[in-house]
Amino acid sequence: MFYRKNLPGWERAMRTIGGVVMIAYGFFGMPGLLSMPGTTAGYLIAATGAVAIATGFFGFCPMCAMVGRRLPSS
C-alpha cells in the first residue's frame, strides 16, 4: 500500500536523527534513577525512537494525516 507523503524533507531528516538519539538514550544513557540499562522506561524511549525513524524513512506520519496535514503540491 502506498501512502502520500505528508512530511517535508527537513522534518524527515530530523525525525531520523532524533530517532537514533532516542534509541541510544533509551538503551545506554538513562541518567538519574533509571540509570541501569534494560529498564522499562529505556525500552519505551527506544521504541518511540524506532517509530520516529520509521515515519522519517517513509515520509508519512499517521497522526499528521489524521489532522489533515499535507505537503503543498508543486
PDB file of N, CA and C in Angstrom:
ATOM      1  N   MET A   1       0.846  -1.169   0.000  1.00  0.00           N
ATOM      2  CA  MET A   1       0.000   0.000   0.000  1.00  0.00           C
ATOM      3  C   MET A   1       0.898   1.241   0.000  1.00  0.00           C
ATOM      4  N   PHE A   2       0.567   2.200  -0.819  1.00  0.00           N
ATOM      5  CA  PHE A   2       1.365   3.413  -0.908  1.00  0.00           C
ATOM      6  C   PHE A   2       0.624   4.567  -0.250  1.00  0.00           C
ATOM      7  N   TYR A   3       1.348   5.323   0.526  1.00  0.00           N
ATOM      8  CA  TYR A   3       0.793   6.479   1.193  1.00  0.00           C
ATOM      9  C   TYR A   3       1.371   7.743   0.587  1.00  0.00           C
ATOM     10  N   ARG A   4       0.579   8.779   0.560  1.00  0.00           N
ATOM     11  CA  ARG A   4       1.066  10.061   0.089  1.00  0.00           C
ATOM     12  C   ARG A   4       1.896  10.695   1.202  1.00  0.00           C
ATOM     13  N   LYS A   5       3.081  11.123   0.885  1.00  0.00           N
ATOM     14  CA  LYS A   5       3.979  11.691   1.886  1.00  0.00           C
ATOM     15  C   LYS A   5       3.381  12.975   2.452  1.00  0.00           C
ATOM     16  N   ASN A   6       3.476  13.130   3.765  1.00  0.00           N
ATOM     17  CA  ASN A   6       2.977  14.347   4.383  1.00  0.00           C
ATOM     18  C   ASN A   6       4.035  15.009   5.269  1.00  0.00           C
ATOM     19  N   LEU A   7       5.301  14.641   5.079  1.00  0.00           N
ATOM     20  CA  LEU A   7       6.390  15.247   5.830  1.00  0.00           C
ATOM     21  C   LEU A   7       7.413  15.840   4.868  1.00  0.00           C
ATOM     22  N   PRO A   8       7.814  17.096   5.090  1.00  0.00           N
ATOM     23  CA  PRO A   8       8.855  17.678   4.233  1.00  0.00           C
ATOM     24  C   PRO A   8      10.215  17.028   4.512  1.00  0.00           C
ATOM     25  N   GLY A   9      11.148  17.223   3.597  1.00  0.00           N
ATOM     26  CA  GLY A   9      12.465  16.583   3.702  1.00  0.00           C
ATOM     27  C   GLY A   9      13.222  16.929   4.964  1.00  0.00           C
ATOM     28  N   TRP A  10      13.196  18.199   5.378  1.00  0.00           N
ATOM     29  CA  TRP A  10      13.936  18.581   6.587  1.00  0.00           C
ATOM     30  C   TRP A  10      13.363  17.896   7.823  1.00  0.00           C
ATOM     31  N   GLU A  11      12.037  17.727   7.874  1.00  0.00           N
ATOM     32  CA  GLU A  11      11.432  17.072   9.032  1.00  0.00           C
ATOM     33  C   GLU A  11      11.705  15.571   9.025  1.00  0.00           C
ATOM     34  N   ARG A  12      11.762  14.981   7.838  1.00  0.00           N
ATOM     35  CA  ARG A  12      12.115  13.564   7.743  1.00  0.00           C
ATOM     36  C   ARG A  12      13.519  13.328   8.278  1.00  0.00           C
ATOM     37  N   ALA A  13      14.449  14.216   7.916  1.00  0.00           N
ATOM     38  CA  ALA A  13      15.824  14.096   8.408  1.00  0.00           C
ATOM     39  C   ALA A  13      15.883  14.271   9.924  1.00  0.00           C
ATOM     40  N   MET A  14      15.148  15.244  10.449  1.00  0.00           N
ATOM     41  CA  MET A  14      15.156  15.482  11.894  1.00  0.00           C
ATOM     42  C   MET A  14      14.525  14.317  12.660  1.00  0.00           C
ATOM     43  N   ARG A  15      13.485  13.726  12.111  1.00  0.00           N
ATOM     44  CA  ARG A  15      12.872  12.569  12.772  1.00  0.00           C
ATOM     45  C   ARG A  15      13.829  11.386  12.791  1.00  0.00           C
ATOM     46  N   THR A  16      14.559  11.182  11.704  1.00  0.00           N
ATOM     47  CA  THR A  16      15.519  10.076  11.655  1.00  0.00           C
ATOM     48  C   THR A  16      16.652  10.297  12.645  1.00  0.00           C
ATOM     49  N   ILE A  17      17.214  11.489  12.664  1.00  0.00           N
ATOM     50  CA  ILE A  17      18.294  11.797  13.611  1.00  0.00           C
ATOM     51  C   ILE A  17      17.786  11.713  15.044  1.00  0.00           C
ATOM     52  N   GLY A  18      16.618  12.292  15.301  1.00  0.00           N
ATOM     53  CA  GLY A  18      16.042  12.230  16.644  1.00  0.00           C
ATOM     54  C   GLY A  18      15.744  10.813  17.084  1.00  0.00           C
ATOM     55  N   GLY A  19      15.301   9.976  16.157  1.00  0.00           N
ATOM     56  CA  GLY A  19      15.024   8.581  16.488  1.00  0.00           C
ATOM     57  C   GLY A  19      16.279   7.825  16.891  1.00  0.00           C
ATOM     58  N   VAL A  20      17.372   8.066  16.172  1.00  0.00           N
ATOM     59  CA  VAL A  20      18.644   7.430  16.525  1.00  0.00           C
ATOM     60  C   VAL A  20      19.091   7.881  17.909  1.00  0.00           C
ATOM     61  N   VAL A  21      18.944   9.174  18.191  1.00  0.00           N
ATOM     62  CA  VAL A  21      19.321   9.710  19.505  1.00  0.00           C
ATOM     63  C   VAL A  21      18.445   9.102  20.601  1.00  0.00           C
ATOM     64  N   MET A  22      17.132   8.970  20.349  1.00  0.00           N
ATOM     65  CA  MET A  22      16.249   8.387  21.364  1.00  0.00           C
ATOM     66  C   MET A  22      16.574   6.920  21.628  1.00  0.00           C
ATOM     67  N   ILE A  23      16.916   6.172  20.583  1.00  0.00           N
ATOM     68  CA  ILE A  23      17.289   4.773  20.788  1.00  0.00           C
ATOM     69  C   ILE A  23      18.564   4.682  21.622  1.00  0.00           C
ATOM     70  N   ALA A  24      19.560   5.493  21.283  1.00  0.00           N
ATOM     71  CA  ALA A  24      20.812   5.469  22.056  1.00  0.00           C
ATOM     72  C   ALA A  24      20.566   5.892  23.501  1.00  0.00           C
ATOM     73  N   TYR A  25      19.748   6.908  23.708  1.00  0.00           N
ATOM     74  CA  TYR A  25      19.445   7.372  25.060  1.00  0.00           C
ATOM     75  C   TYR A  25      18.680   6.309  25.839  1.00  0.00           C
ATOM     76  N   GLY A  26      17.731   5.669  25.187  1.00  0.00           N
ATOM     77  CA  GLY A  26      16.933   4.653  25.866  1.00  0.00           C
ATOM     78  C   GLY A  26      17.732   3.434  26.281  1.00  0.00           C
ATOM     79  N   PHE A  27      18.690   3.020  25.451  1.00  0.00           N
ATOM     80  CA  PHE A  27      19.469   1.825  25.768  1.00  0.00           C
ATOM     81  C   PHE A  27      20.703   2.102  26.613  1.00  0.00           C
ATOM     82  N   PHE A  28      21.339   3.266  26.435  1.00  0.00           N
ATOM     83  CA  PHE A  28      22.635   3.482  27.066  1.00  0.00           C
ATOM     84  C   PHE A  28      22.727   4.678  28.000  1.00  0.00           C
ATOM     85  N   GLY A  29      21.877   5.681  27.870  1.00  0.00           N
ATOM     86  CA  GLY A  29      22.139   6.934  28.565  1.00  0.00           C
ATOM     87  C   GLY A  29      21.100   7.409  29.534  1.00  0.00           C
ATOM     88  N   MET A  30      20.409   6.527  30.222  1.00  0.00           N
ATOM     89  CA  MET A  30      19.389   6.965  31.158  1.00  0.00           C
ATOM     90  C   MET A  30      20.018   7.426  32.473  1.00  0.00           C
ATOM     91  N   PRO A  31      20.241   8.731  32.658  1.00  0.00           N
ATOM     92  CA  PRO A  31      20.825   9.188  33.917  1.00  0.00           C
ATOM     93  C   PRO A  31      19.769   9.256  35.021  1.00  0.00           C
ATOM     94  N   GLY A  32      20.229   9.367  36.233  1.00  0.00           N
ATOM     95  CA  GLY A  32      19.311   9.538  37.361  1.00  0.00           C
ATOM     96  C   GLY A  32      18.849   8.216  37.940  1.00  0.00           C
ATOM     97  N   LEU A  33      17.579   8.158  38.314  1.00  0.00           N
ATOM     98  CA  LEU A  33      17.038   6.981  38.979  1.00  0.00           C
ATOM     99  C   LEU A  33      16.996   5.763  38.071  1.00  0.00           C
ATOM    100  N   LEU A  34      16.862   5.968  36.773  1.00  0.00           N
ATOM    101  CA  LEU A  34      16.746   4.852  35.840  1.00  0.00           C
ATOM    102  C   LEU A  34      18.061   4.615  35.111  1.00  0.00           C
ATOM    103  N   SER A  35      19.169   4.634  35.841  1.00  0.00           N
ATOM    104  CA  SER A  35      20.478   4.570  35.201  1.00  0.00           C
ATOM    105  C   SER A  35      20.880   3.164  34.766  1.00  0.00           C
ATOM    106  N   MET A  36      20.176   2.145  35.219  1.00  0.00           N
ATOM    107  CA  MET A  36      20.543   0.788  34.831  1.00  0.00           C
ATOM    108  C   MET A  36      20.024   0.480  33.432  1.00  0.00           C
ATOM    109  N   PRO A  37      20.869  -0.099  32.575  1.00  0.00           N
ATOM    110  CA  PRO A  37      20.385  -0.478  31.249  1.00  0.00           C
ATOM    111  C   PRO A  37      19.321  -1.564  31.344  1.00  0.00           C
ATOM    112  N   GLY A  38      18.385  -1.554  30.429  1.00  0.00           N
ATOM    113  CA  GLY A  38      17.366  -2.596  30.402  1.00  0.00           C
ATOM    114  C   GLY A  38      16.123  -2.283  31.207  1.00  0.00           C
ATOM    115  N   THR A  39      15.898  -1.006  31.548  1.00  0.00           N
ATOM    116  CA  THR A  39      14.687  -0.653  32.284  1.00  0.00           C
ATOM    117  C   THR A  39      13.516  -0.523  31.316  1.00  0.00           C
ATOM    118  N   THR A  40      12.333  -0.602  31.862  1.00  0.00           N
ATOM    119  CA  THR A  40      11.134  -0.466  31.036  1.00  0.00           C
ATOM    120  C   THR A  40      11.071   0.904  30.383  1.00  0.00           C
ATOM    121  N   ALA A  41      11.412   1.945  31.123  1.00  0.00           N
ATOM    122  CA  ALA A  41      11.393   3.301  30.560  1.00  0.00           C
ATOM    123  C   ALA A  41      12.385   3.424  29.408  1.00  0.00           C
ATOM    124  N   GLY A  42      13.539   2.816  29.536  1.00  0.00           N
ATOM    125  CA  GLY A  42      14.526   2.847  28.467  1.00  0.00           C
ATOM    126  C   GLY A  42      14.036   2.163  27.211  1.00  0.00           C
ATOM    127  N   TYR A  43      13.363   1.024  27.383  1.00  0.00           N
ATOM    128  CA  TYR A  43      12.819   0.312  26.231  1.00  0.00           C
ATOM    129  C   TYR A  43      11.693   1.111  25.568  1.00  0.00           C
ATOM    130  N   LEU A  44      10.884   1.799  26.358  1.00  0.00           N
ATOM    131  CA  LEU A  44       9.818   2.626  25.784  1.00  0.00           C
ATOM    132  C   LEU A  44      10.384   3.794  24.986  1.00  0.00           C
ATOM    133  N   ILE A  45      11.437   4.409  25.501  1.00  0.00           N
ATOM    134  CA  ILE A  45      12.078   5.507  24.780  1.00  0.00           C
ATOM    135  C   ILE A  45      12.691   4.987  23.481  1.00  0.00           C
ATOM    136  N   ALA A  46      13.317   3.828  23.531  1.00  0.00           N
ATOM    137  CA  ALA A  46      13.909   3.246  22.326  1.00  0.00           C
ATOM    138  C   ALA A  46      12.829   2.878  21.303  1.00  0.00           C
ATOM    139  N   ALA A  47      11.702   2.364  21.753  1.00  0.00           N
ATOM    140  CA  ALA A  47      10.613   2.025  20.832  1.00  0.00           C
ATOM    141  C   ALA A  47      10.047   3.284  20.177  1.00  0.00           C
ATOM    142  N   THR A  48       9.946   4.366  20.942  1.00  0.00           N
ATOM    143  CA  THR A  48       9.488   5.632  20.380  1.00  0.00           C
ATOM    144  C   THR A  48      10.469   6.132  19.327  1.00  0.00           C
ATOM    145  N   GLY A  49      11.756   5.929  19.571  1.00  0.00           N
ATOM    146  CA  GLY A  49      12.765   6.293  18.582  1.00  0.00           C
ATOM    147  C   GLY A  49      12.631   5.482  17.303  1.00  0.00           C
ATOM    148  N   ALA A  50      12.286   4.205  17.438  1.00  0.00           N
ATOM    149  CA  ALA A  50      12.097   3.366  16.252  1.00  0.00           C
ATOM    150  C   ALA A  50      10.910   3.842  15.423  1.00  0.00           C
ATOM    151  N   VAL A  51       9.849   4.275  16.088  1.00  0.00           N
ATOM    152  CA  VAL A  51       8.691   4.810  15.366  1.00  0.00           C
ATOM    153  C   VAL A  51       9.064   6.112  14.664  1.00  0.00           C
ATOM    154  N   ALA A  52       9.846   6.961  15.327  1.00  0.00           N
ATOM    155  CA  ALA A  52      10.283   8.216  14.708  1.00  0.00           C
ATOM    156  C   ALA A  52      11.133   7.941  13.461  1.00  0.00           C
ATOM    157  N   ILE A  53      12.004   6.949  13.531  1.00  0.00           N
ATOM    158  CA  ILE A  53      12.821   6.591  12.373  1.00  0.00           C
ATOM    159  C   ILE A  53      11.932   6.080  11.237  1.00  0.00           C
ATOM    160  N   ALA A  54      10.946   5.256  11.562  1.00  0.00           N
ATOM    161  CA  ALA A  54      10.058   4.713  10.530  1.00  0.00           C
ATOM    162  C   ALA A  54       9.271   5.822   9.838  1.00  0.00           C
ATOM    163  N   THR A  55       8.727   6.768  10.601  1.00  0.00           N
ATOM    164  CA  THR A  55       7.975   7.855   9.975  1.00  0.00           C
ATOM    165  C   THR A  55       8.897   8.740   9.148  1.00  0.00           C
ATOM    166  N   GLY A  56      10.129   8.933   9.597  1.00  0.00           N
ATOM    167  CA  GLY A  56      11.078   9.710   8.813  1.00  0.00           C
ATOM    168  C   GLY A  56      11.490   8.999   7.546  1.00  0.00           C
ATOM    169  N   PHE A  57      11.660   7.703   7.613  1.00  0.00           N
ATOM    170  CA  PHE A  57      12.079   6.927   6.444  1.00  0.00           C
ATOM    171  C   PHE A  57      10.982   6.895   5.378  1.00  0.00           C
ATOM    172  N   PHE A  58       9.744   6.654   5.801  1.00  0.00           N
ATOM    173  CA  PHE A  58       8.646   6.550   4.843  1.00  0.00           C
ATOM    174  C   PHE A  58       8.066   7.902   4.448  1.00  0.00           C
ATOM    175  N   GLY A  59       8.290   8.942   5.263  1.00  0.00           N
ATOM    176  CA  GLY A  59       7.769  10.264   4.936  1.00  0.00           C
ATOM    177  C   GLY A  59       6.288  10.412   5.196  1.00  0.00           C
ATOM    178  N   PHE A  60       5.721   9.494   5.952  1.00  0.00           N
ATOM    179  CA  PHE A  60       4.294   9.520   6.250  1.00  0.00           C
ATOM    180  C   PHE A  60       4.101   9.410   7.751  1.00  0.00           C
ATOM    181  N   CYS A  61       3.353  10.336   8.307  1.00  0.00           N
ATOM    182  CA  CYS A  61       3.026  10.317   9.734  1.00  0.00           C
ATOM    183  C   CYS A  61       1.519  10.127   9.876  1.00  0.00           C
ATOM    184  N   PRO A  62       1.076   9.038  10.486  1.00  0.00           N
ATOM    185  CA  PRO A  62      -0.360   8.803  10.619  1.00  0.00           C
ATOM    186  C   PRO A  62      -1.077   9.883  11.436  1.00  0.00           C
ATOM    187  N   MET A  63      -0.435  10.385  12.458  1.00  0.00           N
ATOM    188  CA  MET A  63      -1.070  11.431  13.274  1.00  0.00           C
ATOM    189  C   MET A  63      -1.225  12.728  12.486  1.00  0.00           C
ATOM    190  N   CYS A  64      -0.229  13.051  11.668  1.00  0.00           N
ATOM    191  CA  CYS A  64      -0.333  14.247  10.822  1.00  0.00           C
ATOM    192  C   CYS A  64      -1.456  14.076   9.807  1.00  0.00           C
ATOM    193  N   ALA A  65      -1.612  12.866   9.289  1.00  0.00           N
ATOM    194  CA  ALA A  65      -2.685  12.599   8.330  1.00  0.00           C
ATOM    195  C   ALA A  65      -4.056  12.715   8.993  1.00  0.00           C
ATOM    196  N   MET A  66      -4.157  12.319  10.261  1.00  0.00           N
ATOM    197  CA  MET A  66      -5.434  12.392  10.966  1.00  0.00           C
ATOM    198  C   MET A  66      -5.922  13.827  11.111  1.00  0.00           C
ATOM    199  N   VAL A  67      -4.997  14.775  11.269  1.00  0.00           N
ATOM    200  CA  VAL A  67      -5.400  16.176  11.421  1.00  0.00           C
ATOM    201  C   VAL A  67      -5.406  16.914  10.090  1.00  0.00           C
ATOM    202  N   GLY A  68      -5.123  16.202   8.989  1.00  0.00           N
ATOM    203  CA  GLY A  68      -5.239  16.795   7.662  1.00  0.00           C
ATOM    204  C   GLY A  68      -3.999  17.484   7.143  1.00  0.00           C
ATOM    205  N   ARG A  69      -2.853  17.217   7.702  1.00  0.00           N
ATOM    206  CA  ARG A  69      -1.624  17.844   7.230  1.00  0.00           C
ATOM    207  C   ARG A  69      -1.213  17.246   5.888  1.00  0.00           C
ATOM    208  N   ARG A  70      -0.888  18.113   4.939  1.00  0.00           N
ATOM    209  CA  ARG A  70      -0.452  17.670   3.614  1.00  0.00           C
ATOM    210  C   ARG A  70       0.682  18.554   3.155  1.00  0.00           C
ATOM    211  N   LEU A  71       1.515  18.006   2.285  1.00  0.00           N
ATOM    212  CA  LEU A  71       2.560  18.795   1.667  1.00  0.00           C
ATOM    213  C   LEU A  71       1.951  19.642   0.560  1.00  0.00           C
ATOM    214  N   PRO A  72       2.464  20.855   0.374  1.00  0.00           N
ATOM    215  CA  PRO A  72       1.958  21.647  -0.746  1.00  0.00           C
ATOM    216  C   PRO A  72       2.299  20.967  -2.069  1.00  0.00           C
ATOM    217  N   SER A  73       1.337  20.897  -2.954  1.00  0.00           N
ATOM    218  CA  SER A  73       1.604  20.267  -4.255  1.00  0.00           C
ATOM    219  C   SER A  73       2.396  21.226  -5.135  1.00  0.00           C
ATOM    220  N   SER A  74       3.374  20.672  -5.855  1.00  0.00           N
ATOM    221  CA  SER A  74       4.222  21.531  -6.686  1.00  0.00           C
ATOM    222  C   SER A  74       3.951  21.357  -8.153  1.00  0.00           C
TER     223      SER A  74
END
